[in-house]
């Protein structure tokens, strides 16, 4: 069974940075990988995606120019570099591909 494990979340002040990681229990090299997030009281929303060999990336408008998605297929690991964080970025962040989801990692941005 495929397992996705996110890490790297935590508490950070506004303007700060965090780097999230998502490690898969099996190879995901042929799949587009995604990051989603869910803020308290809100629906889960798309954050970013990256194609199998990193040729194509896509971002939600709210994170463009601040977040960078990347992957290391040799390590079965997906990343999300988050810069210039604001309190609106506070959420649980999930990685995903196909029907597989991790349990998420909490990012809290304080003023």
Foldseek 3Di string as FASTA:
>chain_A
DKAKAKDWADEEEAQAKIKMKIAIPDFPLQFKKFKWWDAVPGDIGTAKIAGNQRPDIDGDPVQPPFKDWDDDRVRRMIMIIGGRDDQVPFTFMWMDTDHDIHPTDTHGYHD
